[in-house]
């Protein structure tokens, strides 16, 4: 009998942020590599996705994701 392996999402976390920095307890999660690659354009100034600027979270400032940035969302 063939078993399905559960696919593990690879989170895009080039800043190596901790759960606390991400805000896991507050309902935030990192975007996966797959999500970032499938989004034709990031929602600029949309409060549901934020980017890490090296010190704090801020609204997304560009339409295309930057491989060197970490993104989080409260979307399911």
PDB file of N, CA and C in Angstrom:
ATOM      1  N   UNK A   1       0.842  -1.182   0.000  1.00  0.00           N
ATOM      2  CA  UNK A   1       0.000   0.000   0.000  1.00  0.00           C
ATOM      3  C   UNK A   1       0.893   1.253   0.000  1.00  0.00           C
ATOM      4  N   UNK A   2       0.559   2.179  -0.879  1.00  0.00           N
ATOM      5  CA  UNK A   2       1.347   3.406  -1.002  1.00  0.00           C
ATOM      6  C   UNK A   2       0.902   4.429   0.044  1.00  0.00           C
ATOM      7  N   UNK A   3       1.850   5.054   0.695  1.00  0.00           N
ATOM      8  CA  UNK A   3       1.501   6.079   1.677  1.00  0.00           C
ATOM      9  C   UNK A   3       1.879   7.442   1.151  1.00  0.00           C
ATOM     10  N   UNK A   4       1.069   8.417   1.477  1.00  0.00           N
ATOM     11  CA  UNK A   4       1.365   9.800   1.082  1.00  0.00           C
ATOM     12  C   UNK A   4       2.277  10.420   2.123  1.00  0.00           C
ATOM     13  N   UNK A   5       3.295  11.076   1.647  1.00  0.00           N
ATOM     14  CA  UNK A   5       4.153  11.833   2.558  1.00  0.00           C
ATOM     15  C   UNK A   5       3.573  13.229   2.672  1.00  0.00           C
ATOM     16  N   UNK A   6       3.482  13.694   3.887  1.00  0.00           N
ATOM     17  CA  UNK A   6       2.986  15.048   4.105  1.00  0.00           C
ATOM     18  C   UNK A   6       4.032  16.044   3.606  1.00  0.00           C
ATOM     19  N   UNK A   7       3.570  16.985   2.814  1.00  0.00           N
ATOM     20  CA  UNK A   7       4.493  17.988   2.274  1.00  0.00           C
ATOM     21  C   UNK A   7       4.762  19.052   3.340  1.00  0.00           C
ATOM     22  N   UNK A   8       6.000  19.318   3.574  1.00  0.00           N
ATOM     23  CA  UNK A   8       6.384  20.327   4.555  1.00  0.00           C
ATOM     24  C   UNK A   8       6.644  21.624   3.812  1.00  0.00           C
ATOM     25  N   UNK A   9       5.932  22.671   4.199  1.00  0.00           N
ATOM     26  CA  UNK A   9       6.142  23.972   3.576  1.00  0.00           C
ATOM     27  C   UNK A   9       7.491  24.538   4.005  1.00  0.00           C
ATOM     28  N   UNK A  10       8.207  25.060   3.050  1.00  0.00           N
ATOM     29  CA  UNK A  10       9.469  25.707   3.352  1.00  0.00           C
ATOM     30  C   UNK A  10       9.172  27.192   3.515  1.00  0.00           C
ATOM     31  N   UNK A  11       9.377  27.686   4.704  1.00  0.00           N
ATOM     32  CA  UNK A  11       9.110  29.092   4.980  1.00  0.00           C
ATOM     33  C   UNK A  11      10.268  29.952   4.500  1.00  0.00           C
ATOM     34  N   UNK A  12       9.925  31.074   3.933  1.00  0.00           N
ATOM     35  CA  UNK A  12      10.942  32.012   3.445  1.00  0.00           C
ATOM     36  C   UNK A  12      11.365  32.883   4.628  1.00  0.00           C
ATOM     37  N   UNK A  13      12.529  32.593   5.189  1.00  0.00           N
ATOM     38  CA  UNK A  13      12.985  33.272   6.402  1.00  0.00           C
ATOM     39  C   UNK A  13      14.477  33.596   6.308  1.00  0.00           C
ATOM     40  N   UNK A  14      14.855  34.435   5.321  1.00  0.00           N
ATOM     41  CA  UNK A  14      16.276  34.754   5.172  1.00  0.00           C
ATOM     42  C   UNK A  14      16.859  35.517   6.363  1.00  0.00           C
ATOM     43  N   UNK A  15      15.997  36.132   7.188  1.00  0.00           N
ATOM     44  CA  UNK A  15      16.477  36.867   8.363  1.00  0.00           C
ATOM     45  C   UNK A  15      16.611  35.968   9.587  1.00  0.00           C
ATOM     46  N   UNK A  16      16.214  34.698   9.462  1.00  0.00           N
ATOM     47  CA  UNK A  16      16.297  33.718  10.549  1.00  0.00           C
ATOM     48  C   UNK A  16      15.579  34.230  11.804  1.00  0.00           C
ATOM     49  N   UNK A  17      14.359  34.714  11.617  1.00  0.00           N
ATOM     50  CA  UNK A  17      13.580  35.256  12.729  1.00  0.00           C
ATOM     51  C   UNK A  17      13.048  34.142  13.621  1.00  0.00           C
ATOM     52  N   UNK A  18      12.899  34.461  14.885  1.00  0.00           N
ATOM     53  CA  UNK A  18      12.342  33.512  15.850  1.00  0.00           C
ATOM     54  C   UNK A  18      10.819  33.596  15.823  1.00  0.00           C
ATOM     55  N   UNK A  19      10.150  32.622  16.458  1.00  0.00           N
ATOM     56  CA  UNK A  19       8.684  32.647  16.547  1.00  0.00           C
ATOM     57  C   UNK A  19       8.197  33.939  17.201  1.00  0.00           C
ATOM     58  N   UNK A  20       8.930  34.398  18.208  1.00  0.00           N
ATOM     59  CA  UNK A  20       8.551  35.632  18.888  1.00  0.00           C
ATOM     60  C   UNK A  20       8.649  36.829  17.943  1.00  0.00           C
ATOM     61  N   UNK A  21       9.734  36.919  17.184  1.00  0.00           N
ATOM     62  CA  UNK A  21       9.896  38.019  16.235  1.00  0.00           C
ATOM     63  C   UNK A  21       8.832  37.962  15.131  1.00  0.00           C
ATOM     64  N   UNK A  22       8.460  36.751  14.731  1.00  0.00           N
ATOM     65  CA  UNK A  22       7.441  36.582  13.700  1.00  0.00           C
ATOM     66  C   UNK A  22       6.069  36.986  14.231  1.00  0.00           C
ATOM     67  N   UNK A  23       5.823  36.732  15.504  1.00  0.00           N
ATOM     68  CA  UNK A  23       4.520  37.042  16.101  1.00  0.00           C
ATOM     69  C   UNK A  23       3.553  35.879  16.013  1.00  0.00           C
ATOM     70  N   UNK A  24       4.081  34.659  16.116  1.00  0.00           N
ATOM     71  CA  UNK A  24       3.266  33.441  16.016  1.00  0.00           C
ATOM     72  C   UNK A  24       2.099  33.471  17.004  1.00  0.00           C
ATOM     73  N   UNK A  25       2.352  33.855  18.251  1.00  0.00           N
ATOM     74  CA  UNK A  25       1.287  33.888  19.267  1.00  0.00           C
ATOM     75  C   UNK A  25       0.192  34.895  18.930  1.00  0.00           C
ATOM     76  N   UNK A  26       0.530  35.903  18.144  1.00  0.00           N
ATOM     77  CA  UNK A  26      -0.445  36.923  17.745  1.00  0.00           C
ATOM     78  C   UNK A  26      -1.168  36.547  16.447  1.00  0.00           C
ATOM     79  N   UNK A  27      -0.886  35.355  15.915  1.00  0.00           N
ATOM     80  CA  UNK A  27      -1.579  34.882  14.726  1.00  0.00           C
ATOM     81  C   UNK A  27      -0.847  35.085  13.413  1.00  0.00           C
ATOM     82  N   UNK A  28       0.380  35.564  13.462  1.00  0.00           N
ATOM     83  CA  UNK A  28       1.161  35.768  12.241  1.00  0.00           C
ATOM     84  C   UNK A  28       1.849  34.471  11.856  1.00  0.00           C
ATOM     85  N   UNK A  29       2.137  34.316  10.560  1.00  0.00           N
ATOM     86  CA  UNK A  29       2.933  33.205  10.052  1.00  0.00           C
ATOM     87  C   UNK A  29       3.758  33.719   8.886  1.00  0.00           C
ATOM     88  N   UNK A  30       4.852  33.044   8.598  1.00  0.00           N
ATOM     89  CA  UNK A  30       5.678  33.432   7.460  1.00  0.00           C
ATOM     90  C   UNK A  30       5.051  32.923   6.172  1.00  0.00           C
ATOM     91  N   UNK A  31       5.261  33.650   5.098  1.00  0.00           N
ATOM     92  CA  UNK A  31       4.855  33.171   3.787  1.00  0.00           C
ATOM     93  C   UNK A  31       5.815  32.068   3.365  1.00  0.00           C
ATOM     94  N   UNK A  32       5.296  31.074   2.681  1.00  0.00           N
ATOM     95  CA  UNK A  32       6.145  29.986   2.195  1.00  0.00           C
ATOM     96  C   UNK A  32       6.800  30.389   0.881  1.00  0.00           C
ATOM     97  N   UNK A  33       7.822  29.654   0.508  1.00  0.00           N
ATOM     98  CA  UNK A  33       8.493  29.882  -0.773  1.00  0.00           C
ATOM     99  C   UNK A  33       7.473  29.752  -1.905  1.00  0.00           C
ATOM    100  N   UNK A  34       6.618  28.740  -1.801  1.00  0.00           N
ATOM    101  CA  UNK A  34       5.607  28.491  -2.834  1.00  0.00           C
ATOM    102  C   UNK A  34       4.639  29.668  -2.950  1.00  0.00           C
ATOM    103  N   UNK A  35       4.192  30.196  -1.814  1.00  0.00           N
ATOM    104  CA  UNK A  35       3.285  31.352  -1.846  1.00  0.00           C
ATOM    105  C   UNK A  35       3.947  32.553  -2.510  1.00  0.00           C
ATOM    106  N   UNK A  36       5.172  32.839  -2.124  1.00  0.00           N
ATOM    107  CA  UNK A  36       5.871  33.985  -2.710  1.00  0.00           C
ATOM    108  C   UNK A  36       6.055  33.829  -4.217  1.00  0.00           C
ATOM    109  N   UNK A  37       6.361  32.614  -4.649  1.00  0.00           N
ATOM    110  CA  UNK A  37       6.577  32.385  -6.073  1.00  0.00           C
ATOM    111  C   UNK A  37       5.284  32.368  -6.871  1.00  0.00           C
ATOM    112  N   UNK A  38       4.144  32.133  -6.204  1.00  0.00           N
ATOM    113  CA  UNK A  38       2.873  32.067  -6.928  1.00  0.00           C
ATOM    114  C   UNK A  38       2.121  33.402  -6.947  1.00  0.00           C
ATOM    115  N   UNK A  39       2.549  34.342  -6.125  1.00  0.00           N
ATOM    116  CA  UNK A  39       1.893  35.651  -6.087  1.00  0.00           C
ATOM    117  C   UNK A  39       2.445  36.488  -7.241  1.00  0.00           C
ATOM    118  N   UNK A  40       1.576  36.895  -8.179  1.00  0.00           N
ATOM    119  CA  UNK A  40       2.075  37.704  -9.292  1.00  0.00           C
ATOM    120  C   UNK A  40       2.601  39.062  -8.821  1.00  0.00           C
ATOM    121  N   UNK A  41       1.962  39.618  -7.806  1.00  0.00           N
ATOM    122  CA  UNK A  41       2.417  40.897  -7.243  1.00  0.00           C
ATOM    123  C   UNK A  41       1.983  40.936  -5.783  1.00  0.00           C
ATOM    124  N   UNK A  42       2.858  41.423  -4.944  1.00  0.00           N
ATOM    125  CA  UNK A  42       2.502  41.582  -3.531  1.00  0.00           C
ATOM    126  C   UNK A  42       1.527  42.741  -3.393  1.00  0.00           C
ATOM    127  N   UNK A  43       0.578  42.616  -2.480  1.00  0.00           N
ATOM    128  CA  UNK A  43      -0.374  43.707  -2.275  1.00  0.00           C
ATOM    129  C   UNK A  43       0.297  44.884  -1.561  1.00  0.00           C
ATOM    130  N   UNK A  44       0.636  45.902  -2.290  1.00  0.00           N
ATOM    131  CA  UNK A  44       1.325  47.068  -1.729  1.00  0.00           C
ATOM    132  C   UNK A  44       0.417  47.777  -0.726  1.00  0.00           C
ATOM    133  N   UNK A  45       0.970  48.093   0.439  1.00  0.00           N
ATOM    134  CA  UNK A  45       0.266  48.784   1.523  1.00  0.00           C
ATOM    135  C   UNK A  45      -0.970  48.041   2.019  1.00  0.00           C
ATOM    136  N   UNK A  46      -1.013  46.730   1.813  1.00  0.00           N
ATOM    137  CA  UNK A  46      -2.096  45.890   2.330  1.00  0.00           C
ATOM    138  C   UNK A  46      -1.678  45.445   3.729  1.00  0.00           C
ATOM    139  N   UNK A  47      -2.521  45.658   4.710  1.00  0.00           N
ATOM    140  CA  UNK A  47      -2.149  45.356   6.098  1.00  0.00           C
ATOM    141  C   UNK A  47      -2.092  43.862   6.406  1.00  0.00           C
ATOM    142  N   UNK A  48      -2.485  43.005   5.465  1.00  0.00           N
ATOM    143  CA  UNK A  48      -2.480  41.567   5.735  1.00  0.00           C
ATOM    144  C   UNK A  48      -1.126  40.912   5.458  1.00  0.00           C
ATOM    145  N   UNK A  49      -0.219  41.631   4.796  1.00  0.00           N
ATOM    146  CA  UNK A  49       1.138  41.123   4.571  1.00  0.00           C
ATOM    147  C   UNK A  49       2.126  42.216   4.963  1.00  0.00           C
ATOM    148  N   UNK A  50       3.129  41.808   5.742  1.00  0.00           N
ATOM    149  CA  UNK A  50       4.162  42.759   6.166  1.00  0.00           C
ATOM    150  C   UNK A  50       5.535  42.208   5.807  1.00  0.00           C
ATOM    151  N   UNK A  51       6.515  43.099   5.704  1.00  0.00           N
ATOM    152  CA  UNK A  51       7.889  42.691   5.436  1.00  0.00           C
ATOM    153  C   UNK A  51       8.796  43.171   6.571  1.00  0.00           C
ATOM    154  N   UNK A  52       9.812  42.376   6.863  1.00  0.00           N
ATOM    155  CA  UNK A  52      10.801  42.689   7.896  1.00  0.00           C
ATOM    156  C   UNK A  52      11.862  43.588   7.278  1.00  0.00           C
ATOM    157  N   UNK A  53      12.099  44.748   7.889  1.00  0.00           N
ATOM    158  CA  UNK A  53      13.078  45.684   7.319  1.00  0.00           C
ATOM    159  C   UNK A  53      14.451  45.580   7.989  1.00  0.00           C
ATOM    160  N   UNK A  54      14.618  44.562   8.805  1.00  0.00           N
ATOM    161  CA  UNK A  54      15.895  44.371   9.504  1.00  0.00           C
ATOM    162  C   UNK A  54      15.804  44.744  10.973  1.00  0.00           C
ATOM    163  N   UNK A  55      14.779  45.529  11.332  1.00  0.00           N
ATOM    164  CA  UNK A  55      14.574  45.937  12.734  1.00  0.00           C
ATOM    165  C   UNK A  55      13.126  45.776  13.176  1.00  0.00           C
ATOM    166  N   UNK A  56      12.182  45.948  12.220  1.00  0.00           N
ATOM    167  CA  UNK A  56      10.755  45.903  12.569  1.00  0.00           C
ATOM    168  C   UNK A  56       9.939  45.486  11.356  1.00  0.00           C
ATOM    169  N   UNK A  57       8.656  45.174  11.619  1.00  0.00           N
ATOM    170  CA  UNK A  57       7.730  44.831  10.545  1.00  0.00           C
ATOM    171  C   UNK A  57       7.128  46.107   9.972  1.00  0.00           C
ATOM    172  N   UNK A  58       6.909  46.111   8.661  1.00  0.00           N
ATOM    173  CA  UNK A  58       6.342  47.271   7.988  1.00  0.00           C
ATOM    174  C   UNK A  58       5.485  46.787   6.825  1.00  0.00           C
ATOM    175  N   UNK A  59       4.644  47.680   6.296  1.00  0.00           N
ATOM    176  CA  UNK A  59       3.842  47.328   5.132  1.00  0.00           C
ATOM    177  C   UNK A  59       4.759  47.072   3.948  1.00  0.00           C
ATOM    178  N   UNK A  60       4.312  46.226   3.042  1.00  0.00           N
ATOM    179  CA  UNK A  60       5.094  45.900   1.850  1.00  0.00           C
ATOM    180  C   UNK A  60       5.230  47.153   1.002  1.00  0.00           C
ATOM    181  N   UNK A  61       6.450  47.451   0.588  1.00  0.00           N
ATOM    182  CA  UNK A  61       6.702  48.702  -0.124  1.00  0.00           C
ATOM    183  C   UNK A  61       6.832  48.543  -1.637  1.00  0.00           C
ATOM    184  N   UNK A  62       6.987  47.301  -2.107  1.00  0.00           N
ATOM    185  CA  UNK A  62       7.114  47.088  -3.551  1.00  0.00           C
ATOM    186  C   UNK A  62       6.157  45.992  -3.998  1.00  0.00           C
ATOM    187  N   UNK A  63       5.880  45.937  -5.274  1.00  0.00           N
ATOM    188  CA  UNK A  63       4.952  44.942  -5.803  1.00  0.00           C
ATOM    189  C   UNK A  63       5.575  43.558  -5.944  1.00  0.00           C
ATOM    190  N   UNK A  64       6.888  43.491  -6.095  1.00  0.00           N
ATOM    191  CA  UNK A  64       7.559  42.206  -6.272  1.00  0.00           C
ATOM    192  C   UNK A  64       8.371  41.878  -5.027  1.00  0.00           C
ATOM    193  N   UNK A  65       8.286  40.623  -4.600  1.00  0.00           N
ATOM    194  CA  UNK A  65       9.017  40.251  -3.389  1.00  0.00           C
ATOM    195  C   UNK A  65      10.520  40.248  -3.638  1.00  0.00           C
ATOM    196  N   UNK A  66      11.213  40.509  -2.577  1.00  0.00           N
ATOM    197  CA  UNK A  66      12.675  40.575  -2.583  1.00  0.00           C
ATOM    198  C   UNK A  66      13.174  39.321  -1.864  1.00  0.00           C
ATOM    199  N   UNK A  67      13.995  38.544  -2.522  1.00  0.00           N
ATOM    200  CA  UNK A  67      14.509  37.300  -1.950  1.00  0.00           C
ATOM    201  C   UNK A  67      15.231  37.515  -0.623  1.00  0.00           C
ATOM    202  N   UNK A  68      15.738  38.717  -0.391  1.00  0.00           N
ATOM    203  CA  UNK A  68      16.495  38.977   0.831  1.00  0.00           C
ATOM    204  C   UNK A  68      15.609  39.422   1.991  1.00  0.00           C
ATOM    205  N   UNK A  69      14.309  39.534   1.766  1.00  0.00           N
ATOM    206  CA  UNK A  69      13.377  39.977   2.817  1.00  0.00           C
ATOM    207  C   UNK A  69      12.504  38.829   3.301  1.00  0.00           C
ATOM    208  N   UNK A  70      12.048  38.946   4.547  1.00  0.00           N
ATOM    209  CA  UNK A  70      11.136  37.977   5.144  1.00  0.00           C
ATOM    210  C   UNK A  70       9.751  38.626   5.188  1.00  0.00           C
ATOM    211  N   UNK A  71       8.712  37.837   4.842  1.00  0.00           N
ATOM    212  CA  UNK A  71       7.330  38.344   4.803  1.00  0.00           C
ATOM    213  C   UNK A  71       6.454  37.520   5.729  1.00  0.00           C
ATOM    214  N   UNK A  72       5.488  38.190   6.373  1.00  0.00           N
ATOM    215  CA  UNK A  72       4.556  37.493   7.239  1.00  0.00           C
ATOM    216  C   UNK A  72       3.129  37.904   6.882  1.00  0.00           C
ATOM    217  N   UNK A  73       2.174  37.060   7.321  1.00  0.00           N
ATOM    218  CA  UNK A  73       0.771  37.327   7.053  1.00  0.00           C
ATOM    219  C   UNK A  73      -0.094  36.736   8.161  1.00  0.00           C
ATOM    220  N   UNK A  74      -1.341  37.220   8.235  1.00  0.00           N
ATOM    221  CA  UNK A  74      -2.338  36.625   9.126  1.00  0.00           C
ATOM    222  C   UNK A  74      -3.383  35.873   8.306  1.00  0.00           C
ATOM    223  N   UNK A  75      -3.180  35.835   6.988  1.00  0.00           N
ATOM    224  CA  UNK A  75      -4.094  35.088   6.122  1.00  0.00           C
ATOM    225  C   UNK A  75      -3.979  33.596   6.408  1.00  0.00           C
ATOM    226  N   UNK A  76      -5.088  32.875   6.259  1.00  0.00           N
ATOM    227  CA  UNK A  76      -5.018  31.410   6.494  1.00  0.00           C
ATOM    228  C   UNK A  76      -4.094  30.705   5.524  1.00  0.00           C
TER     229      UNK A  76
END
